C-alpha cells in the first residue's frame, strides 16, 4: 500500500517516524495545490 500523510503539526521527528512506519511522504500544511499534486503524482507513480 502507498500512503501519504498530511498535517498542520509537522516536525522532522514526526515525519521520520511516519516514513519509518511506511508513509511514502509527509506533507506539512499549508501547501499549494501544485505541491499536493506533485506529491500525489509521485506517490501514484510509486
ModelCIF file with pLDDT and N, C-alpha, C, O atoms, coordinates in Angstrom:
data_MODEL
#
_entry.id   MODEL 
#
_entity.id                         1 
_entity.type                       polymer 
_entity.pdbx_number_of_molecules   1 
#
_entity_poly.entity_id                      1 
_entity_poly.type                           'polypeptide(L)' 
_entity_poly.nstd_linkage                   no 
_entity_poly.nstd_monomer                   no 
_entity_poly.pdbx_seq_one_letter_code       
;(UNK)(UNK)(UNK)(UNK)(UNK)(UNK)(UNK)(UNK)(UNK)(UNK)(UNK)(UNK)(UNK)(UNK)(UNK)(UNK)
(UNK)(UNK)(UNK)(UNK)(UNK)(UNK)(UNK)(UNK)(UNK)(UNK)(UNK)(UNK)(UNK)(UNK)(UNK)(UNK)
(UNK)(UNK)(UNK)(UNK)(UNK)(UNK)(UNK)(UNK)(UNK)(UNK)(UNK)(UNK)(UNK)(UNK)
;
_entity_poly.pdbx_seq_one_letter_code_can   XXXXXXXXXXXXXXXXXXXXXXXXXXXXXXXXXXXXXXXXXXXXXX 
_entity_poly.pdbx_strand_id                 A 
#
loop_
_entity_poly_seq.entity_id 
_entity_poly_seq.num 
_entity_poly_seq.mon_id 
_entity_poly_seq.hetero 
1 1  UNK n 
1 2  UNK n 
1 3  UNK n 
1 4  UNK n 
1 5  UNK n 
1 6  UNK n 
1 7  UNK n 
1 8  UNK n 
1 9  UNK n 
1 10 UNK n 
1 11 UNK n 
1 12 UNK n 
1 13 UNK n 
1 14 UNK n 
1 15 UNK n 
1 16 UNK n 
1 17 UNK n 
1 18 UNK n 
1 19 UNK n 
1 20 UNK n 
1 21 UNK n 
1 22 UNK n 
1 23 UNK n 
1 24 UNK n 
1 25 UNK n 
1 26 UNK n 
1 27 UNK n 
1 28 UNK n 
1 29 UNK n 
1 30 UNK n 
1 31 UNK n 
1 32 UNK n 
1 33 UNK n 
1 34 UNK n 
1 35 UNK n 
1 36 UNK n 
1 37 UNK n 
1 38 UNK n 
1 39 UNK n 
1 40 UNK n 
1 41 UNK n 
1 42 UNK n 
1 43 UNK n 
1 44 UNK n 
1 45 UNK n 
1 46 UNK n 
#
_struct_asym.id          A 
_struct_asym.entity_id   1 
#
loop_
_ma_qa_metric.id 
_ma_qa_metric.mode 
_ma_qa_metric.name 
_ma_qa_metric.software_group_id 
_ma_qa_metric.type 
1 global pLDDT . pLDDT 
2 local  pLDDT . pLDDT 
#
_ma_qa_metric_global.metric_id      1 
_ma_qa_metric_global.metric_value   93.22 
_ma_qa_metric_global.model_id       1 
_ma_qa_metric_global.ordinal_id     1 
#
loop_
_ma_qa_metric_local.label_asym_id 
_ma_qa_metric_local.label_comp_id 
_ma_qa_metric_local.label_seq_id 
_ma_qa_metric_local.metric_id 
_ma_qa_metric_local.metric_value 
_ma_qa_metric_local.model_id 
_ma_qa_metric_local.ordinal_id 
A UNK 1  2 93.00 1 1  
A UNK 2  2 94.00 1 2  
A UNK 3  2 96.00 1 3  
A UNK 4  2 96.00 1 4  
A UNK 5  2 96.00 1 5  
A UNK 6  2 95.00 1 6  
A UNK 7  2 92.00 1 7  
A UNK 8  2 92.00 1 8  
A UNK 9  2 86.00 1 9  
A UNK 10 2 80.00 1 10 
A UNK 11 2 86.00 1 11 
A UNK 12 2 89.00 1 12 
A UNK 13 2 92.00 1 13 
A UNK 14 2 91.00 1 14 
A UNK 15 2 91.00 1 15 
A UNK 16 2 92.00 1 16 
A UNK 17 2 93.00 1 17 
A UNK 18 2 94.00 1 18 
A UNK 19 2 93.00 1 19 
A UNK 20 2 95.00 1 20 
A UNK 21 2 94.00 1 21 
A UNK 22 2 94.00 1 22 
A UNK 23 2 95.00 1 23 
A UNK 24 2 95.00 1 24 
A UNK 25 2 94.00 1 25 
A UNK 26 2 93.00 1 26 
A UNK 27 2 94.00 1 27 
A UNK 28 2 93.00 1 28 
A UNK 29 2 92.00 1 29 
A UNK 30 2 93.00 1 30 
A UNK 31 2 94.00 1 31 
A UNK 32 2 95.00 1 32 
A UNK 33 2 95.00 1 33 
A UNK 34 2 97.00 1 34 
A UNK 35 2 96.00 1 35 
A UNK 36 2 95.00 1 36 
A UNK 37 2 95.00 1 37 
A UNK 38 2 96.00 1 38 
A UNK 39 2 95.00 1 39 
A UNK 40 2 95.00 1 40 
A UNK 41 2 95.00 1 41 
A UNK 42 2 94.00 1 42 
A UNK 43 2 94.00 1 43 
A UNK 44 2 94.00 1 44 
A UNK 45 2 94.00 1 45 
A UNK 46 2 91.00 1 46 
#
loop_
_atom_site.group_PDB 
_atom_site.id 
_atom_site.type_symbol 
_atom_site.label_atom_id 
_atom_site.label_alt_id 
_atom_site.label_comp_id 
_atom_site.label_asym_id 
_atom_site.label_entity_id 
_atom_site.label_seq_id 
_atom_site.pdbx_PDB_ins_code 
_atom_site.Cartn_x 
_atom_site.Cartn_y 
_atom_site.Cartn_z 
_atom_site.occupancy 
_atom_site.B_iso_or_equiv 
_atom_site.pdbx_formal_charge 
_atom_site.auth_seq_id 
_atom_site.auth_comp_id 
_atom_site.auth_asym_id 
_atom_site.auth_atom_id 
_atom_site.pdbx_PDB_model_num 
ATOM 1   N N  . UNK A 1 1  ? 0.836  -1.203 0.000  1.00 93.00 ? 1  UNK A N  1 
ATOM 2   C CA . UNK A 1 1  ? 0.000  0.000  0.000  1.00 93.00 ? 1  UNK A CA 1 
ATOM 3   C C  . UNK A 1 1  ? 0.874  1.257  0.000  1.00 93.00 ? 1  UNK A C  1 
ATOM 4   O O  . UNK A 1 1  ? 1.971  1.277  0.558  1.00 93.00 ? 1  UNK A O  1 
ATOM 5   N N  . UNK A 1 2  ? 0.358  2.291  -0.636 1.00 94.00 ? 2  UNK A N  1 
ATOM 6   C CA . UNK A 1 2  ? 1.061  3.567  -0.729 1.00 94.00 ? 2  UNK A CA 1 
ATOM 7   C C  . UNK A 1 2  ? 0.263  4.607  0.047  1.00 94.00 ? 2  UNK A C  1 
ATOM 8   O O  . UNK A 1 2  ? -0.917 4.822  -0.230 1.00 94.00 ? 2  UNK A O  1 
ATOM 9   N N  . UNK A 1 3  ? 0.907  5.257  1.023  1.00 96.00 ? 3  UNK A N  1 
ATOM 10  C CA . UNK A 1 3  ? 0.216  6.220  1.877  1.00 96.00 ? 3  UNK A CA 1 
ATOM 11  C C  . UNK A 1 3  ? 1.026  7.503  2.013  1.00 96.00 ? 3  UNK A C  1 
ATOM 12  O O  . UNK A 1 3  ? 2.255  7.490  2.093  1.00 96.00 ? 3  UNK A O  1 
ATOM 13  N N  . UNK A 1 4  ? 0.300  8.592  2.037  1.00 96.00 ? 4  UNK A N  1 
ATOM 14  C CA . UNK A 1 4  ? 0.863  9.935  2.189  1.00 96.00 ? 4  UNK A CA 1 
ATOM 15  C C  . UNK A 1 4  ? 0.173  10.571 3.384  1.00 96.00 ? 4  UNK A C  1 
ATOM 16  O O  . UNK A 1 4  ? -1.053 10.530 3.480  1.00 96.00 ? 4  UNK A O  1 
ATOM 17  N N  . UNK A 1 5  ? 0.942  11.160 4.298  1.00 96.00 ? 5  UNK A N  1 
ATOM 18  C CA . UNK A 1 5  ? 0.381  11.809 5.484  1.00 96.00 ? 5  UNK A CA 1 
ATOM 19  C C  . UNK A 1 5  ? 0.509  13.321 5.340  1.00 96.00 ? 5  UNK A C  1 
ATOM 20  O O  . UNK A 1 5  ? 1.560  13.841 4.964  1.00 96.00 ? 5  UNK A O  1 
ATOM 21  N N  . UNK A 1 6  ? -0.589 14.016 5.648  1.00 95.00 ? 6  UNK A N  1 
ATOM 22  C CA . UNK A 1 6  ? -0.565 15.482 5.682  1.00 95.00 ? 6  UNK A CA 1 
ATOM 23  C C  . UNK A 1 6  ? -0.872 15.932 7.102  1.00 95.00 ? 6  UNK A C  1 
ATOM 24  O O  . UNK A 1 6  ? -1.588 15.253 7.839  1.00 95.00 ? 6  UNK A O  1 
ATOM 25  N N  . UNK A 1 7  ? -0.324 17.082 7.476  1.00 92.00 ? 7  UNK A N  1 
ATOM 26  C CA . UNK A 1 7  ? -0.563 17.583 8.824  1.00 92.00 ? 7  UNK A CA 1 
ATOM 27  C C  . UNK A 1 7  ? -0.251 19.069 8.923  1.00 92.00 ? 7  UNK A C  1 
ATOM 28  O O  . UNK A 1 7  ? 0.521  19.621 8.139  1.00 92.00 ? 7  UNK A O  1 
ATOM 29  N N  . UNK A 1 8  ? -0.871 19.692 9.904  1.00 92.00 ? 8  UNK A N  1 
ATOM 30  C CA . UNK A 1 8  ? -0.529 21.069 10.251 1.00 92.00 ? 8  UNK A CA 1 
ATOM 31  C C  . UNK A 1 8  ? 0.451  21.079 11.419 1.00 92.00 ? 8  UNK A C  1 
ATOM 32  O O  . UNK A 1 8  ? 0.887  22.139 11.868 1.00 92.00 ? 8  UNK A O  1 
ATOM 33  N N  . UNK A 1 9  ? 0.792  19.882 11.907 1.00 86.00 ? 9  UNK A N  1 
ATOM 34  C CA . UNK A 1 9  ? 1.629  19.757 13.097 1.00 86.00 ? 9  UNK A CA 1 
ATOM 35  C C  . UNK A 1 9  ? 2.919  19.009 12.785 1.00 86.00 ? 9  UNK A C  1 
ATOM 36  O O  . UNK A 1 9  ? 3.343  18.143 13.549 1.00 86.00 ? 9  UNK A O  1 
ATOM 37  N N  . UNK A 1 10 ? 3.530  19.343 11.674 1.00 80.00 ? 10 UNK A N  1 
ATOM 38  C CA . UNK A 1 10 ? 4.695  18.602 11.217 1.00 80.00 ? 10 UNK A CA 1 
ATOM 39  C C  . UNK A 1 10 ? 5.989  19.022 11.873 1.00 80.00 ? 10 UNK A C  1 
ATOM 40  O O  . UNK A 1 10 ? 6.271  20.208 12.041 1.00 80.00 ? 10 UNK A O  1 
ATOM 41  N N  . UNK A 1 11 ? 6.770  18.019 12.241 1.00 86.00 ? 11 UNK A N  1 
ATOM 42  C CA . UNK A 1 11 ? 8.144  18.224 12.692 1.00 86.00 ? 11 UNK A CA 1 
ATOM 43  C C  . UNK A 1 11 ? 8.991  17.191 11.949 1.00 86.00 ? 11 UNK A C  1 
ATOM 44  O O  . UNK A 1 11 ? 8.468  16.225 11.392 1.00 86.00 ? 11 UNK A O  1 
ATOM 45  N N  . UNK A 1 12 ? 10.269 17.404 11.948 1.00 89.00 ? 12 UNK A N  1 
ATOM 46  C CA . UNK A 1 12 ? 11.164 16.443 11.303 1.00 89.00 ? 12 UNK A CA 1 
ATOM 47  C C  . UNK A 1 12 ? 11.051 15.081 11.985 1.00 89.00 ? 12 UNK A C  1 
ATOM 48  O O  . UNK A 1 12 ? 11.040 14.048 11.316 1.00 89.00 ? 12 UNK A O  1 
ATOM 49  N N  . UNK A 1 13 ? 10.970 15.081 13.306 1.00 92.00 ? 13 UNK A N  1 
ATOM 50  C CA . UNK A 1 13 ? 10.875 13.824 14.048 1.00 92.00 ? 13 UNK A CA 1 
ATOM 51  C C  . UNK A 1 13 ? 9.605  13.053 13.680 1.00 92.00 ? 13 UNK A C  1 
ATOM 52  O O  . UNK A 1 13 ? 9.650  11.839 13.483 1.00 92.00 ? 13 UNK A O  1 
ATOM 53  N N  . UNK A 1 14 ? 8.491  13.746 13.588 1.00 91.00 ? 14 UNK A N  1 
ATOM 54  C CA . UNK A 1 14 ? 7.230  13.086 13.230 1.00 91.00 ? 14 UNK A CA 1 
ATOM 55  C C  . UNK A 1 14 ? 7.283  12.599 11.787 1.00 91.00 ? 14 UNK A C  1 
ATOM 56  O O  . UNK A 1 14 ? 6.788  11.514 11.483 1.00 91.00 ? 14 UNK A O  1 
ATOM 57  N N  . UNK A 1 15 ? 7.867  13.376 10.912 1.00 91.00 ? 15 UNK A N  1 
ATOM 58  C CA . UNK A 1 15 ? 7.996  12.960 9.507  1.00 91.00 ? 15 UNK A CA 1 
ATOM 59  C C  . UNK A 1 15 ? 8.855  11.700 9.405  1.00 91.00 ? 15 UNK A C  1 
ATOM 60  O O  . UNK A 1 15 ? 8.513  10.780 8.661  1.00 91.00 ? 15 UNK A O  1 
ATOM 61  N N  . UNK A 1 16 ? 9.949  11.649 10.132 1.00 92.00 ? 16 UNK A N  1 
ATOM 62  C CA . UNK A 1 16 ? 10.815 10.464 10.120 1.00 92.00 ? 16 UNK A CA 1 
ATOM 63  C C  . UNK A 1 16 ? 10.051 9.262  10.666 1.00 92.00 ? 16 UNK A C  1 
ATOM 64  O O  . UNK A 1 16 ? 10.137 8.169  10.106 1.00 92.00 ? 16 UNK A O  1 
ATOM 65  N N  . UNK A 1 17 ? 9.315  9.451  11.742 1.00 93.00 ? 17 UNK A N  1 
ATOM 66  C CA . UNK A 1 17 ? 8.519  8.348  12.311 1.00 93.00 ? 17 UNK A CA 1 
ATOM 67  C C  . UNK A 1 17 ? 7.485  7.846  11.302 1.00 93.00 ? 17 UNK A C  1 
ATOM 68  O O  . UNK A 1 17 ? 7.295  6.640  11.147 1.00 93.00 ? 17 UNK A O  1 
ATOM 69  N N  . UNK A 1 18 ? 6.826  8.768  10.626 1.00 94.00 ? 18 UNK A N  1 
ATOM 70  C CA . UNK A 1 18 ? 5.821  8.385  9.622  1.00 94.00 ? 18 UNK A CA 1 
ATOM 71  C C  . UNK A 1 18 ? 6.453  7.563  8.505  1.00 94.00 ? 18 UNK A C  1 
ATOM 72  O O  . UNK A 1 18 ? 5.879  6.567  8.066  1.00 94.00 ? 18 UNK A O  1 
ATOM 73  N N  . UNK A 1 19 ? 7.609  7.968  8.053  1.00 93.00 ? 19 UNK A N  1 
ATOM 74  C CA . UNK A 1 19 ? 8.301  7.256  6.977  1.00 93.00 ? 19 UNK A CA 1 
ATOM 75  C C  . UNK A 1 19 ? 8.780  5.884  7.472  1.00 93.00 ? 19 UNK A C  1 
ATOM 76  O O  . UNK A 1 19 ? 8.730  4.911  6.719  1.00 93.00 ? 19 UNK A O  1 
ATOM 77  N N  . UNK A 1 20 ? 9.235  5.793  8.707  1.00 95.00 ? 20 UNK A N  1 
ATOM 78  C CA . UNK A 1 20 ? 9.666  4.514  9.274  1.00 95.00 ? 20 UNK A CA 1 
ATOM 79  C C  . UNK A 1 20 ? 8.517  3.508  9.274  1.00 95.00 ? 20 UNK A C  1 
ATOM 80  O O  . UNK A 1 20 ? 8.723  2.306  9.107  1.00 95.00 ? 20 UNK A O  1 
ATOM 81  N N  . UNK A 1 21 ? 7.318  4.019  9.462  1.00 94.00 ? 21 UNK A N  1 
ATOM 82  C CA . UNK A 1 21 ? 6.148  3.142  9.551  1.00 94.00 ? 21 UNK A CA 1 
ATOM 83  C C  . UNK A 1 21 ? 5.468  2.925  8.203  1.00 94.00 ? 21 UNK A C  1 
ATOM 84  O O  . UNK A 1 21 ? 4.409  2.301  8.135  1.00 94.00 ? 21 UNK A O  1 
ATOM 85  N N  . UNK A 1 22 ? 6.069  3.436  7.132  1.00 94.00 ? 22 UNK A N  1 
ATOM 86  C CA . UNK A 1 22 ? 5.570  3.094  5.815  1.00 94.00 ? 22 UNK A CA 1 
ATOM 87  C C  . UNK A 1 22 ? 4.972  4.197  4.974  1.00 94.00 ? 22 UNK A C  1 
ATOM 88  O O  . UNK A 1 22 ? 4.599  3.949  3.828  1.00 94.00 ? 22 UNK A O  1 
ATOM 89  N N  . UNK A 1 23 ? 4.863  5.406  5.496  1.00 95.00 ? 23 UNK A N  1 
ATOM 90  C CA . UNK A 1 23 ? 4.375  6.511  4.670  1.00 95.00 ? 23 UNK A CA 1 
ATOM 91  C C  . UNK A 1 23 ? 5.420  6.805  3.591  1.00 95.00 ? 23 UNK A C  1 
ATOM 92  O O  . UNK A 1 23 ? 6.620  6.781  3.865  1.00 95.00 ? 23 UNK A O  1 
ATOM 93  N N  . UNK A 1 24 ? 4.970  7.080  2.377  1.00 95.00 ? 24 UNK A N  1 
ATOM 94  C CA . UNK A 1 24 ? 5.915  7.389  1.308  1.00 95.00 ? 24 UNK A CA 1 
ATOM 95  C C  . UNK A 1 24 ? 6.310  8.855  1.313  1.00 95.00 ? 24 UNK A C  1 
ATOM 96  O O  . UNK A 1 24 ? 7.336  9.235  0.749  1.00 95.00 ? 24 UNK A O  1 
ATOM 97  N N  . UNK A 1 25 ? 5.482  9.680  1.956  1.00 94.00 ? 25 UNK A N  1 
ATOM 98  C CA . UNK A 1 25 ? 5.805  11.106 2.033  1.00 94.00 ? 25 UNK A CA 1 
ATOM 99  C C  . UNK A 1 25 ? 5.022  11.717 3.171  1.00 94.00 ? 25 UNK A C  1 
ATOM 100 O O  . UNK A 1 25 ? 4.079  11.120 3.689  1.00 94.00 ? 25 UNK A O  1 
ATOM 101 N N  . UNK A 1 26 ? 5.425  12.908 3.549  1.00 93.00 ? 26 UNK A N  1 
ATOM 102 C CA . UNK A 1 26 ? 4.847  13.636 4.675  1.00 93.00 ? 26 UNK A CA 1 
ATOM 103 C C  . UNK A 1 26 ? 4.759  15.084 4.246  1.00 93.00 ? 26 UNK A C  1 
ATOM 104 O O  . UNK A 1 26 ? 5.779  15.696 3.930  1.00 93.00 ? 26 UNK A O  1 
ATOM 105 N N  . UNK A 1 27 ? 3.570  15.639 4.229  1.00 94.00 ? 27 UNK A N  1 
ATOM 106 C CA . UNK A 1 27 ? 3.348  16.984 3.706  1.00 94.00 ? 27 UNK A CA 1 
ATOM 107 C C  . UNK A 1 27 ? 2.780  17.875 4.800  1.00 94.00 ? 27 UNK A C  1 
ATOM 108 O O  . UNK A 1 27 ? 1.749  17.560 5.395  1.00 94.00 ? 27 UNK A O  1 
ATOM 109 N N  . UNK A 1 28 ? 3.457  18.988 5.061  1.00 93.00 ? 28 UNK A N  1 
ATOM 110 C CA . UNK A 1 28 ? 3.027  19.906 6.110  1.00 93.00 ? 28 UNK A CA 1 
ATOM 111 C C  . UNK A 1 28 ? 2.143  21.007 5.536  1.00 93.00 ? 28 UNK A C  1 
ATOM 112 O O  . UNK A 1 28 ? 2.490  21.650 4.546  1.00 93.00 ? 28 UNK A O  1 
ATOM 113 N N  . UNK A 1 29 ? 0.980  21.211 6.183  1.00 92.00 ? 29 UNK A N  1 
ATOM 114 C CA . UNK A 1 29 ? 0.060  22.282 5.810  1.00 92.00 ? 29 UNK A CA 1 
ATOM 115 C C  . UNK A 1 29 ? 0.633  23.600 6.314  1.00 92.00 ? 29 UNK A C  1 
ATOM 116 O O  . UNK A 1 29 ? 1.352  23.594 7.313  1.00 92.00 ? 29 UNK A O  1 
ATOM 117 N N  . UNK A 1 30 ? 0.355  24.698 5.688  1.00 93.00 ? 30 UNK A N  1 
ATOM 118 C CA . UNK A 1 30 ? -0.370 24.818 4.421  1.00 93.00 ? 30 UNK A CA 1 
ATOM 119 C C  . UNK A 1 30 ? 0.529  24.478 3.235  1.00 93.00 ? 30 UNK A C  1 
ATOM 120 O O  . UNK A 1 30 ? 1.747  24.649 3.288  1.00 93.00 ? 30 UNK A O  1 
ATOM 121 N N  . UNK A 1 31 ? -0.087 24.003 2.185  1.00 94.00 ? 31 UNK A N  1 
ATOM 122 C CA . UNK A 1 31 ? 0.637  23.722 0.953  1.00 94.00 ? 31 UNK A CA 1 
ATOM 123 C C  . UNK A 1 31 ? -0.228 24.157 -0.214 1.00 94.00 ? 31 UNK A C  1 
ATOM 124 O O  . UNK A 1 31 ? -1.449 24.262 -0.097 1.00 94.00 ? 31 UNK A O  1 
ATOM 125 N N  . UNK A 1 32 ? 0.411  24.402 -1.321 1.00 95.00 ? 32 UNK A N  1 
ATOM 126 C CA . UNK A 1 32 ? -0.323 24.851 -2.504 1.00 95.00 ? 32 UNK A CA 1 
ATOM 127 C C  . UNK A 1 32 ? -0.898 23.630 -3.223 1.00 95.00 ? 32 UNK A C  1 
ATOM 128 O O  . UNK A 1 32 ? -0.421 22.511 -3.037 1.00 95.00 ? 32 UNK A O  1 
ATOM 129 N N  . UNK A 1 33 ? -1.917 23.850 -4.038 1.00 95.00 ? 33 UNK A N  1 
ATOM 130 C CA . UNK A 1 33 ? -2.452 22.744 -4.835 1.00 95.00 ? 33 UNK A CA 1 
ATOM 131 C C  . UNK A 1 33 ? -1.387 22.098 -5.722 1.00 95.00 ? 33 UNK A C  1 
ATOM 132 O O  . UNK A 1 33 ? -1.410 20.889 -5.953 1.00 95.00 ? 33 UNK A O  1 
ATOM 133 N N  . UNK A 1 34 ? -0.461 22.909 -6.211 1.00 97.00 ? 34 UNK A N  1 
ATOM 134 C CA . UNK A 1 34 ? 0.606  22.383 -7.071 1.00 97.00 ? 34 UNK A CA 1 
ATOM 135 C C  . UNK A 1 34 ? 1.526  21.424 -6.305 1.00 97.00 ? 34 UNK A C  1 
ATOM 136 O O  . UNK A 1 34 ? 1.940  20.391 -6.832 1.00 97.00 ? 34 UNK A O  1 
ATOM 137 N N  . UNK A 1 35 ? 1.833  21.775 -5.076 1.00 96.00 ? 35 UNK A N  1 
ATOM 138 C CA . UNK A 1 35 ? 2.679  20.900 -4.253 1.00 96.00 ? 35 UNK A CA 1 
ATOM 139 C C  . UNK A 1 35 ? 1.946  19.595 -3.957 1.00 96.00 ? 35 UNK A C  1 
ATOM 140 O O  . UNK A 1 35 ? 2.533  18.516 -4.044 1.00 96.00 ? 35 UNK A O  1 
ATOM 141 N N  . UNK A 1 36 ? 0.669  19.691 -3.609 1.00 95.00 ? 36 UNK A N  1 
ATOM 142 C CA . UNK A 1 36 ? -0.125 18.483 -3.355 1.00 95.00 ? 36 UNK A CA 1 
ATOM 143 C C  . UNK A 1 36 ? -0.178 17.607 -4.597 1.00 95.00 ? 36 UNK A C  1 
ATOM 144 O O  . UNK A 1 36 ? 0.010  16.393 -4.510 1.00 95.00 ? 36 UNK A O  1 
ATOM 145 N N  . UNK A 1 37 ? -0.431 18.208 -5.741 1.00 95.00 ? 37 UNK A N  1 
ATOM 146 C CA . UNK A 1 37 ? -0.496 17.435 -6.989 1.00 95.00 ? 37 UNK A CA 1 
ATOM 147 C C  . UNK A 1 37 ? 0.830  16.728 -7.256 1.00 95.00 ? 37 UNK A C  1 
ATOM 148 O O  . UNK A 1 37 ? 0.839  15.559 -7.642 1.00 95.00 ? 37 UNK A O  1 
ATOM 149 N N  . UNK A 1 38 ? 1.946  17.419 -7.056 1.00 96.00 ? 38 UNK A N  1 
ATOM 150 C CA . UNK A 1 38 ? 3.258  16.813 -7.295 1.00 96.00 ? 38 UNK A CA 1 
ATOM 151 C C  . UNK A 1 38 ? 3.493  15.637 -6.349 1.00 96.00 ? 38 UNK A C  1 
ATOM 152 O O  . UNK A 1 38 ? 3.998  14.595 -6.767 1.00 96.00 ? 38 UNK A O  1 
ATOM 153 N N  . UNK A 1 39 ? 3.130  15.801 -5.087 1.00 95.00 ? 39 UNK A N  1 
ATOM 154 C CA . UNK A 1 39 ? 3.297  14.721 -4.109 1.00 95.00 ? 39 UNK A CA 1 
ATOM 155 C C  . UNK A 1 39 ? 2.404  13.534 -4.459 1.00 95.00 ? 39 UNK A C  1 
ATOM 156 O O  . UNK A 1 39 ? 2.842  12.385 -4.392 1.00 95.00 ? 39 UNK A O  1 
ATOM 157 N N  . UNK A 1 40 ? 1.165  13.804 -4.829 1.00 95.00 ? 40 UNK A N  1 
ATOM 158 C CA . UNK A 1 40 ? 0.236  12.737 -5.204 1.00 95.00 ? 40 UNK A CA 1 
ATOM 159 C C  . UNK A 1 40 ? 0.713  12.033 -6.469 1.00 95.00 ? 40 UNK A C  1 
ATOM 160 O O  . UNK A 1 40 ? 0.701  10.805 -6.542 1.00 95.00 ? 40 UNK A O  1 
ATOM 161 N N  . UNK A 1 41 ? 1.133  12.809 -7.462 1.00 95.00 ? 41 UNK A N  1 
ATOM 162 C CA . UNK A 1 41 ? 1.647  12.203 -8.701 1.00 95.00 ? 41 UNK A CA 1 
ATOM 163 C C  . UNK A 1 41 ? 2.833  11.286 -8.416 1.00 95.00 ? 41 UNK A C  1 
ATOM 164 O O  . UNK A 1 41 ? 2.919  10.185 -8.958 1.00 95.00 ? 41 UNK A O  1 
ATOM 165 N N  . UNK A 1 42 ? 3.734  11.740 -7.573 1.00 94.00 ? 42 UNK A N  1 
ATOM 166 C CA . UNK A 1 42 ? 4.912  10.946 -7.223 1.00 94.00 ? 42 UNK A CA 1 
ATOM 167 C C  . UNK A 1 42 ? 4.511  9.670  -6.484 1.00 94.00 ? 42 UNK A C  1 
ATOM 168 O O  . UNK A 1 42 ? 5.034  8.593  -6.771 1.00 94.00 ? 42 UNK A O  1 
ATOM 169 N N  . UNK A 1 43 ? 3.593  9.791  -5.543 1.00 94.00 ? 43 UNK A N  1 
ATOM 170 C CA . UNK A 1 43 ? 3.131  8.623  -4.783 1.00 94.00 ? 43 UNK A CA 1 
ATOM 171 C C  . UNK A 1 43 ? 2.397  7.635  -5.688 1.00 94.00 ? 43 UNK A C  1 
ATOM 172 O O  . UNK A 1 43 ? 2.552  6.423  -5.532 1.00 94.00 ? 43 UNK A O  1 
ATOM 173 N N  . UNK A 1 44 ? 1.602  8.136  -6.630 1.00 94.00 ? 44 UNK A N  1 
ATOM 174 C CA . UNK A 1 44 ? 0.900  7.253  -7.558 1.00 94.00 ? 44 UNK A CA 1 
ATOM 175 C C  . UNK A 1 44 ? 1.866  6.534  -8.485 1.00 94.00 ? 44 UNK A C  1 
ATOM 176 O O  . UNK A 1 44 ? 1.646  5.372  -8.828 1.00 94.00 ? 44 UNK A O  1 
ATOM 177 N N  . UNK A 1 45 ? 2.923  7.204  -8.890 1.00 94.00 ? 45 UNK A N  1 
ATOM 178 C CA . UNK A 1 45 ? 3.943  6.555  -9.721 1.00 94.00 ? 45 UNK A CA 1 
ATOM 179 C C  . UNK A 1 45 ? 4.602  5.427  -8.929 1.00 94.00 ? 45 UNK A C  1 
ATOM 180 O O  . UNK A 1 45 ? 4.839  4.348  -9.472 1.00 94.00 ? 45 UNK A O  1 
ATOM 181 N N  . UNK A 1 46 ? 4.895  5.664  -7.675 1.00 91.00 ? 46 UNK A N  1 
ATOM 182 C CA . UNK A 1 46 ? 5.451  4.620  -6.820 1.00 91.00 ? 46 UNK A CA 1 
ATOM 183 C C  . UNK A 1 46 ? 4.472  3.460  -6.685 1.00 91.00 ? 46 UNK A C  1 
ATOM 184 O O  . UNK A 1 46 ? 4.766  2.481  -6.000 1.00 91.00 ? 46 UNK A O  1 
#
